[in-house]
Amino acid sequence: MGWLVGSATFVIIWWLVVFTVLPFGVRPSQEGDPGKAAGAPAHPHLALKFAVTTGIAIVIWLVANWAVNAGLINFRGS
C-alpha cells in the first residue's frame, strides 16, 4: 500500500470512527441556556473524542494495512 492510498484509507477510517464515537457521553444542556439549542450537549468533550478516534483509527488502519500487505485482502482482482 503506497503512502497516498494509505493516507486516504486512514482519513476514511478516521471519519467513520469519529461519527461512531461522537454520541458517547452526550447529555443535553439544562433548559434555559441562552444561545444554545435545546438538544445541544452541555459538555461535548471534543478533544477527548478526537484523541480516542485517532487511537482507534490507527489500530484499525494498522490491521487493514497488515491484511493488504499479507495478501489477505486483494483489490486487484486476481
Protein backbone atom coordinates (compact mmCIF):
# COMPACT_ATOMS: atom_id res chain seq x y z
CA MET A 1 0.00 0.00 0.00
CA GLY A 2 1.53 3.31 -1.06
CA TRP A 3 1.60 6.39 1.14
CA LEU A 4 -1.16 8.14 -0.79
CA VAL A 5 -3.53 5.18 -0.65
CA GLY A 6 -2.57 4.58 2.98
CA SER A 7 -3.25 8.21 3.90
CA ALA A 8 -6.60 8.22 2.10
CA THR A 9 -7.54 4.97 3.83
CA PHE A 10 -6.64 6.44 7.22
CA VAL A 11 -8.74 9.56 6.60
CA ILE A 12 -11.76 7.47 5.60
CA ILE A 13 -11.36 5.21 8.65
CA TRP A 14 -10.92 8.26 10.91
CA TRP A 15 -14.15 9.88 9.70
CA LEU A 16 -16.10 6.64 10.10
CA VAL A 17 -14.81 6.24 13.65
CA VAL A 18 -15.43 9.88 14.63
CA PHE A 19 -19.10 9.62 13.68
CA THR A 20 -19.30 6.44 15.75
CA VAL A 21 -17.62 7.99 18.81
CA LEU A 22 -19.40 11.37 18.83
CA PRO A 23 -22.65 10.23 20.52
CA PHE A 24 -20.88 8.63 23.53
CA GLY A 25 -21.36 10.52 26.80
CA VAL A 26 -23.62 13.20 25.34
CA ARG A 27 -26.02 14.78 27.80
CA PRO A 28 -28.28 17.67 26.78
CA SER A 29 -27.69 21.06 28.35
CA GLN A 30 -30.00 22.35 31.03
CA GLU A 31 -33.10 24.19 29.92
CA GLY A 32 -32.70 27.92 29.70
CA ASP A 33 -29.11 28.15 28.50
CA PRO A 34 -29.16 31.28 26.36
CA GLY A 35 -27.72 30.94 22.88
CA LYS A 36 -27.83 27.14 22.76
CA ALA A 37 -30.24 24.83 21.02
CA ALA A 38 -32.35 22.63 23.27
CA GLY A 39 -30.58 19.46 22.14
CA ALA A 40 -27.02 20.83 22.25
CA PRO A 41 -24.69 18.84 24.52
CA ALA A 42 -23.64 20.53 27.76
CA HIS A 43 -20.02 19.30 27.61
CA PRO A 44 -19.17 17.64 24.26
CA HIS A 45 -15.53 16.75 25.22
CA LEU A 46 -14.44 17.02 21.58
CA ALA A 47 -10.69 16.95 22.26
CA LEU A 48 -11.01 13.66 24.14
CA LYS A 49 -13.26 12.21 21.43
CA PHE A 50 -10.81 13.24 18.69
CA ALA A 51 -7.93 11.64 20.62
CA VAL A 52 -9.88 8.41 21.13
CA THR A 53 -10.94 8.47 17.47
CA THR A 54 -7.33 8.84 16.33
CA GLY A 55 -6.20 5.93 18.52
CA ILE A 56 -8.96 3.63 17.30
CA ALA A 57 -8.39 4.67 13.67
CA ILE A 58 -4.66 3.93 13.96
CA VAL A 59 -5.36 0.42 15.26
CA ILE A 60 -7.94 -0.28 12.52
CA TRP A 61 -5.60 1.16 9.86
CA LEU A 62 -2.69 -0.99 11.06
CA VAL A 63 -4.84 -4.12 10.87
CA ALA A 64 -6.13 -3.17 7.41
CA ASN A 65 -2.61 -2.35 6.20
CA TRP A 66 -1.29 -5.66 7.52
CA ALA A 67 -4.16 -7.56 5.85
CA VAL A 68 -3.49 -5.92 2.47
CA ASN A 69 0.28 -6.43 2.67
CA ALA A 70 -0.15 -10.05 3.79
CA GLY A 71 -2.40 -10.76 0.81
CA LEU A 72 -5.50 -11.48 2.87
CA ILE A 73 -7.35 -8.67 1.09
CA ASN A 74 -6.80 -8.16 -2.61
CA PHE A 75 -8.27 -5.24 -4.52
CA ARG A 76 -6.50 -6.08 -7.79
CA GLY A 77 -8.95 -8.82 -8.82
CA SER A 78 -6.54 -11.71 -9.28
